[in-house]
Amino acid sequence: MPPTPSPRPVTPAVELSAAAANERLRAYVRAHGDRTWTRTDLGELARLRGAWLAARAGLAEAA
């Protein structure tokens, strides 16, 4: 089983647009394919989802 590619790290100091965060999340899921999700994979998925939600919340605050 090939390793799951890891997207560029997202740190609190680096803010993403909602569109960029969404694309990173989608790319991670596409790259994962139909393999079984490990705890590590799910942790990365949760981190990417958190970055996307934070970016969306930032958009809501700006509106």
Protein backbone atom coordinates (compact mmCIF):
# COMPACT_ATOMS: atom_id res chain seq x y z
CA MET A 1 0.00 0.00 0.00
CA PRO A 2 1.57 3.33 -1.02
CA PRO A 3 1.79 6.00 1.66
CA THR A 4 -0.84 8.70 1.66
CA PRO A 5 0.62 11.91 0.27
CA SER A 6 0.79 14.68 2.79
CA PRO A 7 -0.29 18.15 1.69
CA ARG A 8 1.73 21.18 2.65
CA PRO A 9 1.47 21.75 6.40
CA VAL A 10 -0.99 24.34 7.65
CA THR A 11 0.04 26.18 10.78
CA PRO A 12 -1.96 28.73 12.74
CA ALA A 13 0.39 31.42 11.44
CA VAL A 14 -0.57 30.59 7.85
CA GLU A 15 -4.11 31.56 6.99
CA LEU A 16 -5.73 29.98 3.96
CA SER A 17 -8.65 31.16 1.95
CA ALA A 18 -11.69 28.91 2.25
CA ALA A 19 -11.23 27.89 -1.40
CA ALA A 20 -7.57 26.94 -0.89
CA ALA A 21 -8.33 25.02 2.30
CA ASN A 22 -11.19 23.22 0.58
CA GLU A 23 -8.95 22.24 -2.34
CA ARG A 24 -6.31 20.83 0.01
CA LEU A 25 -8.96 18.79 1.79
CA ARG A 26 -10.38 17.47 -1.49
CA ALA A 27 -6.92 16.67 -2.86
CA TYR A 28 -6.08 14.68 0.26
CA VAL A 29 -9.25 12.60 -0.03
CA ARG A 30 -8.70 12.03 -3.77
CA ALA A 31 -5.09 11.00 -3.20
CA HIS A 32 -6.13 8.58 -0.46
CA GLY A 33 -8.22 6.57 -2.88
CA ASP A 34 -10.15 3.55 -1.68
CA ARG A 35 -7.62 2.40 0.93
CA THR A 36 -8.68 1.89 4.53
CA TRP A 37 -8.29 5.06 6.61
CA THR A 38 -5.72 4.68 9.38
CA ARG A 39 -5.73 6.72 12.59
CA THR A 40 -2.94 8.84 11.13
CA ASP A 41 -4.93 9.41 7.93
CA LEU A 42 -8.01 10.36 9.93
CA GLY A 43 -5.95 12.73 12.07
CA GLU A 44 -4.66 14.51 8.97
CA LEU A 45 -8.18 14.60 7.54
CA ALA A 46 -9.45 16.20 10.75
CA ARG A 47 -6.62 18.75 10.70
CA LEU A 48 -7.38 19.72 7.09
CA ARG A 49 -11.10 19.93 7.85
CA GLY A 50 -10.31 22.17 10.82
CA ALA A 51 -8.27 24.49 8.58
CA TRP A 52 -11.18 24.63 6.12
CA LEU A 53 -13.71 25.36 8.88
CA ALA A 54 -11.45 28.09 10.30
CA ALA A 55 -11.13 29.68 6.87
CA ARG A 56 -14.91 29.57 6.42
CA ALA A 57 -15.43 31.13 9.84
CA GLY A 58 -13.04 33.92 8.86
CA LEU A 59 -15.15 34.61 5.80
CA ALA A 60 -18.30 34.73 7.88
CA GLU A 61 -16.71 37.23 10.30
CA ALA A 62 -15.55 39.43 7.42
CA ALA A 63 -19.02 39.62 5.87
